[in-house]
Amino acid sequence: MSIFAAAIDALFADPHLAEAALWRAGGLGSGVHVQVIRKMPDEIVSFGSSRAILPTVIIAMRGSEVAAPASGDTVQVGATVFDIIAQPRRDSLGLVWECEASARD
């Protein structure tokens, strides 16, 4: 294990950063228990000469827990289910997936 993988594992083990979740491929099945780090940054989007600030949800998952997340998968954190709404991106070391998500109503 590299020092970077050990650092990522430490971050995902920290109860102040990470949360227990259930990942379901295609939103189906009993799911896989994973640790996630939820980020909720605002995104600035331009519309002509105007700009809008939109809330976003990014769910980070370790590549060691989820090999290939995809748009259409779901992640359940507590009672909230998030739909993965875009193609997940992997970090440059291949250790963490970042998935843009939307909470179901």
N, C-alpha and C. Protein backbone atom coordinates (compact mmCIF):
# COMPACT_ATOMS: atom_id res chain seq x y z
N MET A 1 0.85 -1.18 0.00
CA MET A 1 0.00 0.00 0.00
C MET A 1 0.89 1.24 0.00
N SER A 2 0.56 2.20 -0.84
CA SER A 2 1.33 3.44 -0.90
C SER A 2 0.95 4.36 0.25
N ILE A 3 1.80 5.33 0.50
CA ILE A 3 1.52 6.31 1.54
C ILE A 3 0.25 7.09 1.21
N PHE A 4 -0.01 7.29 -0.09
CA PHE A 4 -1.22 8.00 -0.50
C PHE A 4 -2.47 7.17 -0.21
N ALA A 5 -2.43 5.90 -0.50
CA ALA A 5 -3.57 5.02 -0.21
C ALA A 5 -3.82 4.96 1.29
N ALA A 6 -2.76 4.93 2.10
CA ALA A 6 -2.92 4.92 3.55
C ALA A 6 -3.56 6.22 4.03
N ALA A 7 -3.17 7.34 3.43
CA ALA A 7 -3.75 8.63 3.81
C ALA A 7 -5.23 8.69 3.45
N ILE A 8 -5.58 8.19 2.27
CA ILE A 8 -6.99 8.16 1.85
C ILE A 8 -7.79 7.28 2.80
N ASP A 9 -7.25 6.11 3.15
CA ASP A 9 -7.94 5.22 4.09
C ASP A 9 -8.17 5.90 5.43
N ALA A 10 -7.18 6.67 5.90
CA ALA A 10 -7.32 7.39 7.17
C ALA A 10 -8.43 8.44 7.08
N LEU A 11 -8.51 9.15 5.96
CA LEU A 11 -9.56 10.15 5.79
C LEU A 11 -10.95 9.51 5.79
N PHE A 12 -11.09 8.39 5.08
CA PHE A 12 -12.39 7.74 5.00
C PHE A 12 -12.75 7.00 6.29
N ALA A 13 -11.79 6.81 7.19
CA ALA A 13 -12.06 6.20 8.49
C ALA A 13 -12.42 7.25 9.54
N ASP A 14 -12.19 8.51 9.24
CA ASP A 14 -12.45 9.59 10.20
C ASP A 14 -13.96 9.85 10.30
N PRO A 15 -14.55 9.65 11.48
CA PRO A 15 -16.00 9.84 11.60
C PRO A 15 -16.45 11.30 11.47
N HIS A 16 -15.50 12.25 11.51
CA HIS A 16 -15.85 13.67 11.33
C HIS A 16 -15.94 14.03 9.85
N LEU A 17 -15.36 13.19 8.99
CA LEU A 17 -15.38 13.45 7.54
C LEU A 17 -16.27 12.49 6.77
N ALA A 18 -16.20 11.23 7.12
CA ALA A 18 -16.86 10.18 6.33
C ALA A 18 -18.15 9.71 6.99
N GLU A 19 -19.01 9.15 6.15
CA GLU A 19 -20.28 8.60 6.61
C GLU A 19 -20.47 7.21 6.03
N ALA A 20 -21.14 6.36 6.79
CA ALA A 20 -21.50 5.04 6.28
C ALA A 20 -22.61 5.22 5.25
N ALA A 21 -22.52 4.47 4.16
CA ALA A 21 -23.50 4.58 3.09
C ALA A 21 -23.70 3.22 2.44
N LEU A 22 -24.72 3.16 1.59
CA LEU A 22 -25.04 1.95 0.85
C LEU A 22 -25.05 2.32 -0.64
N TRP A 23 -24.14 1.74 -1.40
CA TRP A 23 -24.04 1.99 -2.84
C TRP A 23 -24.75 0.87 -3.59
N ARG A 24 -25.60 1.26 -4.55
CA ARG A 24 -26.32 0.28 -5.36
C ARG A 24 -26.05 0.56 -6.84
N ALA A 25 -25.47 -0.41 -7.52
CA ALA A 25 -25.24 -0.31 -8.96
C ALA A 25 -26.59 -0.27 -9.67
N GLY A 26 -26.80 0.74 -10.49
CA GLY A 26 -28.06 0.87 -11.20
C GLY A 26 -29.23 1.17 -10.29
N GLY A 27 -28.96 1.44 -9.02
CA GLY A 27 -30.02 1.72 -8.05
C GLY A 27 -30.79 0.49 -7.61
N LEU A 28 -30.26 -0.70 -7.92
CA LEU A 28 -30.97 -1.94 -7.63
C LEU A 28 -30.18 -2.83 -6.68
N GLY A 29 -30.86 -3.79 -6.11
CA GLY A 29 -30.21 -4.79 -5.28
C GLY A 29 -30.04 -4.37 -3.84
N SER A 30 -29.40 -5.25 -3.08
CA SER A 30 -29.22 -5.00 -1.65
C SER A 30 -28.10 -3.99 -1.38
N GLY A 31 -27.20 -3.80 -2.32
CA GLY A 31 -26.18 -2.78 -2.19
C GLY A 31 -24.91 -3.24 -1.49
N VAL A 32 -23.93 -2.35 -1.48
CA VAL A 32 -22.62 -2.60 -0.87
C VAL A 32 -22.38 -1.50 0.15
N HIS A 33 -21.98 -1.89 1.36
CA HIS A 33 -21.66 -0.92 2.40
C HIS A 33 -20.33 -0.25 2.09
N VAL A 34 -20.33 1.08 2.06
CA VAL A 34 -19.14 1.86 1.75
C VAL A 34 -19.06 3.05 2.71
N GLN A 35 -17.90 3.67 2.75
CA GLN A 35 -17.72 4.94 3.44
C GLN A 35 -17.66 6.02 2.38
N VAL A 36 -18.35 7.12 2.58
CA VAL A 36 -18.35 8.22 1.62
C VAL A 36 -18.02 9.53 2.33
N ILE A 37 -17.50 10.46 1.56
CA ILE A 37 -17.33 11.83 2.04
C ILE A 37 -18.21 12.69 1.15
N ARG A 38 -19.16 13.36 1.79
CA ARG A 38 -20.12 14.18 1.06
C ARG A 38 -19.62 15.63 1.05
N LYS A 39 -19.57 16.22 -0.15
CA LYS A 39 -19.19 17.62 -0.30
C LYS A 39 -20.36 18.35 -0.94
N MET A 40 -20.60 19.56 -0.52
CA MET A 40 -21.72 20.32 -1.07
C MET A 40 -21.27 21.73 -1.47
N PRO A 41 -20.39 21.82 -2.47
CA PRO A 41 -19.92 23.15 -2.90
C PRO A 41 -20.95 23.83 -3.79
N ASP A 42 -20.95 25.15 -3.77
CA ASP A 42 -21.77 25.91 -4.72
C ASP A 42 -21.02 26.00 -6.04
N GLU A 43 -21.74 25.93 -7.14
CA GLU A 43 -21.15 26.06 -8.47
C GLU A 43 -21.67 27.33 -9.11
N ILE A 44 -20.76 28.10 -9.69
CA ILE A 44 -21.15 29.33 -10.38
C ILE A 44 -21.30 29.01 -11.86
N VAL A 45 -22.50 29.28 -12.39
CA VAL A 45 -22.81 28.99 -13.79
C VAL A 45 -23.15 30.30 -14.48
N SER A 46 -22.56 30.51 -15.65
CA SER A 46 -22.82 31.73 -16.41
C SER A 46 -23.95 31.52 -17.41
N PHE A 47 -24.82 32.52 -17.50
CA PHE A 47 -25.89 32.56 -18.48
C PHE A 47 -25.78 33.91 -19.18
N GLY A 48 -25.09 33.94 -20.32
CA GLY A 48 -24.86 35.21 -20.99
C GLY A 48 -24.02 36.11 -20.10
N SER A 49 -24.55 37.28 -19.78
CA SER A 49 -23.81 38.19 -18.91
C SER A 49 -24.19 38.03 -17.44
N SER A 50 -25.07 37.09 -17.15
CA SER A 50 -25.50 36.85 -15.77
C SER A 50 -24.82 35.60 -15.22
N ARG A 51 -24.79 35.51 -13.92
CA ARG A 51 -24.25 34.32 -13.26
C ARG A 51 -25.24 33.86 -12.20
N ALA A 52 -25.30 32.54 -12.04
CA ALA A 52 -26.17 31.95 -11.01
C ALA A 52 -25.31 31.04 -10.14
N ILE A 53 -25.63 31.02 -8.86
CA ILE A 53 -24.95 30.13 -7.93
C ILE A 53 -25.88 28.96 -7.65
N LEU A 54 -25.43 27.75 -8.01
CA LEU A 54 -26.25 26.56 -7.85
C LEU A 54 -25.63 25.63 -6.81
N PRO A 55 -26.45 25.09 -5.91
CA PRO A 55 -25.91 24.11 -4.96
C PRO A 55 -25.64 22.79 -5.67
N THR A 56 -24.57 22.13 -5.30
CA THR A 56 -24.26 20.82 -5.87
C THR A 56 -23.94 19.85 -4.74
N VAL A 57 -23.99 18.56 -5.07
CA VAL A 57 -23.61 17.51 -4.13
C VAL A 57 -22.59 16.62 -4.83
N ILE A 58 -21.43 16.45 -4.21
CA ILE A 58 -20.39 15.56 -4.71
C ILE A 58 -20.19 14.48 -3.65
N ILE A 59 -20.27 13.23 -4.07
CA ILE A 59 -20.05 12.11 -3.14
C ILE A 59 -18.75 11.43 -3.55
N ALA A 60 -17.79 11.41 -2.62
CA ALA A 60 -16.50 10.77 -2.87
C ALA A 60 -16.53 9.37 -2.27
N MET A 61 -16.06 8.39 -3.07
CA MET A 61 -15.99 6.99 -2.63
C MET A 61 -14.61 6.44 -2.99
N ARG A 62 -14.12 5.55 -2.16
CA ARG A 62 -12.82 4.94 -2.45
C ARG A 62 -12.93 3.94 -3.60
N GLY A 63 -11.93 3.97 -4.48
CA GLY A 63 -11.87 3.01 -5.58
C GLY A 63 -11.71 1.59 -5.08
N SER A 64 -11.16 1.41 -3.87
CA SER A 64 -11.01 0.07 -3.31
C SER A 64 -12.35 -0.52 -2.87
N GLU A 65 -13.37 0.32 -2.70
CA GLU A 65 -14.69 -0.16 -2.29
C GLU A 65 -15.66 -0.26 -3.46
N VAL A 66 -15.53 0.65 -4.42
CA VAL A 66 -16.43 0.68 -5.58
C VAL A 66 -15.55 0.74 -6.83
N ALA A 67 -15.56 -0.33 -7.61
CA ALA A 67 -14.66 -0.42 -8.77
C ALA A 67 -15.08 0.50 -9.91
N ALA A 68 -16.36 0.60 -10.18
CA ALA A 68 -16.80 1.35 -11.36
C ALA A 68 -18.18 1.96 -11.15
N PRO A 69 -18.28 3.03 -10.36
CA PRO A 69 -19.59 3.68 -10.22
C PRO A 69 -19.99 4.30 -11.56
N ALA A 70 -21.29 4.49 -11.75
CA ALA A 70 -21.79 5.03 -13.02
C ALA A 70 -23.03 5.87 -12.79
N SER A 71 -23.32 6.70 -13.77
CA SER A 71 -24.55 7.46 -13.75
C SER A 71 -25.71 6.46 -13.67
N GLY A 72 -26.68 6.74 -12.79
CA GLY A 72 -27.80 5.82 -12.59
C GLY A 72 -27.67 5.00 -11.32
N ASP A 73 -26.46 4.94 -10.75
CA ASP A 73 -26.28 4.27 -9.46
C ASP A 73 -26.89 5.13 -8.37
N THR A 74 -27.10 4.56 -7.20
CA THR A 74 -27.58 5.33 -6.06
C THR A 74 -26.66 5.12 -4.87
N VAL A 75 -26.65 6.13 -4.00
CA VAL A 75 -25.92 6.08 -2.74
C VAL A 75 -26.89 6.52 -1.66
N GLN A 76 -27.09 5.66 -0.67
CA GLN A 76 -28.00 5.99 0.43
C GLN A 76 -27.18 6.30 1.67
N VAL A 77 -27.37 7.52 2.18
CA VAL A 77 -26.72 7.96 3.42
C VAL A 77 -27.83 8.21 4.43
N GLY A 78 -27.93 7.36 5.44
CA GLY A 78 -29.05 7.45 6.37
C GLY A 78 -30.34 7.18 5.61
N ALA A 79 -31.31 8.09 5.74
CA ALA A 79 -32.59 7.92 5.05
C ALA A 79 -32.60 8.60 3.68
N THR A 80 -31.54 9.32 3.33
CA THR A 80 -31.50 10.07 2.07
C THR A 80 -30.85 9.24 0.97
N VAL A 81 -31.55 9.16 -0.17
CA VAL A 81 -31.03 8.45 -1.34
C VAL A 81 -30.57 9.50 -2.35
N PHE A 82 -29.34 9.35 -2.82
CA PHE A 82 -28.77 10.22 -3.85
C PHE A 82 -28.64 9.44 -5.15
N ASP A 83 -29.07 10.05 -6.25
CA ASP A 83 -28.87 9.48 -7.58
C ASP A 83 -27.57 10.04 -8.14
N ILE A 84 -26.72 9.18 -8.69
CA ILE A 84 -25.52 9.64 -9.38
C ILE A 84 -26.00 10.14 -10.75
N ILE A 85 -25.75 11.42 -11.05
CA ILE A 85 -26.37 12.03 -12.23
C ILE A 85 -25.38 12.35 -13.35
N ALA A 86 -24.11 12.09 -13.14
CA ALA A 86 -23.11 12.36 -14.19
C ALA A 86 -22.05 11.27 -14.14
N GLN A 87 -21.24 11.21 -15.17
CA GLN A 87 -20.16 10.22 -15.22
C GLN A 87 -19.17 10.51 -14.08
N PRO A 88 -18.95 9.56 -13.17
CA PRO A 88 -17.99 9.77 -12.08
C PRO A 88 -16.58 10.00 -12.61
N ARG A 89 -15.82 10.79 -11.85
CA ARG A 89 -14.43 11.07 -12.20
C ARG A 89 -13.53 10.48 -11.14
N ARG A 90 -12.40 9.93 -11.58
CA ARG A 90 -11.44 9.35 -10.65
C ARG A 90 -10.28 10.32 -10.47
N ASP A 91 -9.71 10.36 -9.26
CA ASP A 91 -8.57 11.24 -9.04
C ASP A 91 -7.36 10.73 -9.81
N SER A 92 -6.30 11.54 -9.86
CA SER A 92 -5.15 11.21 -10.70
C SER A 92 -4.41 9.95 -10.25
N LEU A 93 -4.55 9.56 -8.98
CA LEU A 93 -3.91 8.34 -8.50
C LEU A 93 -4.82 7.12 -8.58
N GLY A 94 -6.09 7.33 -8.96
CA GLY A 94 -7.03 6.22 -9.08
C GLY A 94 -7.53 5.70 -7.74
N LEU A 95 -7.46 6.53 -6.70
CA LEU A 95 -7.85 6.08 -5.36
C LEU A 95 -9.27 6.47 -4.98
N VAL A 96 -9.77 7.57 -5.51
CA VAL A 96 -11.07 8.10 -5.10
C VAL A 96 -11.91 8.46 -6.31
N TRP A 97 -13.17 8.06 -6.27
CA TRP A 97 -14.16 8.45 -7.26
C TRP A 97 -14.90 9.67 -6.73
N GLU A 98 -15.15 10.66 -7.58
CA GLU A 98 -16.02 11.78 -7.24
C GLU A 98 -17.25 11.69 -8.12
N CYS A 99 -18.41 11.65 -7.49
CA CYS A 99 -19.67 11.44 -8.20
C CYS A 99 -20.60 12.62 -7.94
N GLU A 100 -21.04 13.27 -9.00
CA GLU A 100 -22.04 14.33 -8.86
C GLU A 100 -23.38 13.65 -8.59
N ALA A 101 -24.09 14.15 -7.60
CA ALA A 101 -25.31 13.48 -7.17
C ALA A 101 -26.44 14.47 -6.93
N SER A 102 -27.63 13.92 -6.87
CA SER A 102 -28.83 14.71 -6.60
C SER A 102 -29.69 13.92 -5.61
N ALA A 103 -30.12 14.59 -4.55
CA ALA A 103 -30.97 13.92 -3.56
C ALA A 103 -32.37 13.72 -4.10
N ARG A 104 -32.94 12.55 -3.85
CA ARG A 104 -34.33 12.30 -4.24
C ARG A 104 -35.24 13.06 -3.31
N ASP A 105 -36.38 13.47 -3.84
CA ASP A 105 -37.37 14.17 -3.00
C ASP A 105 -38.17 13.21 -2.19
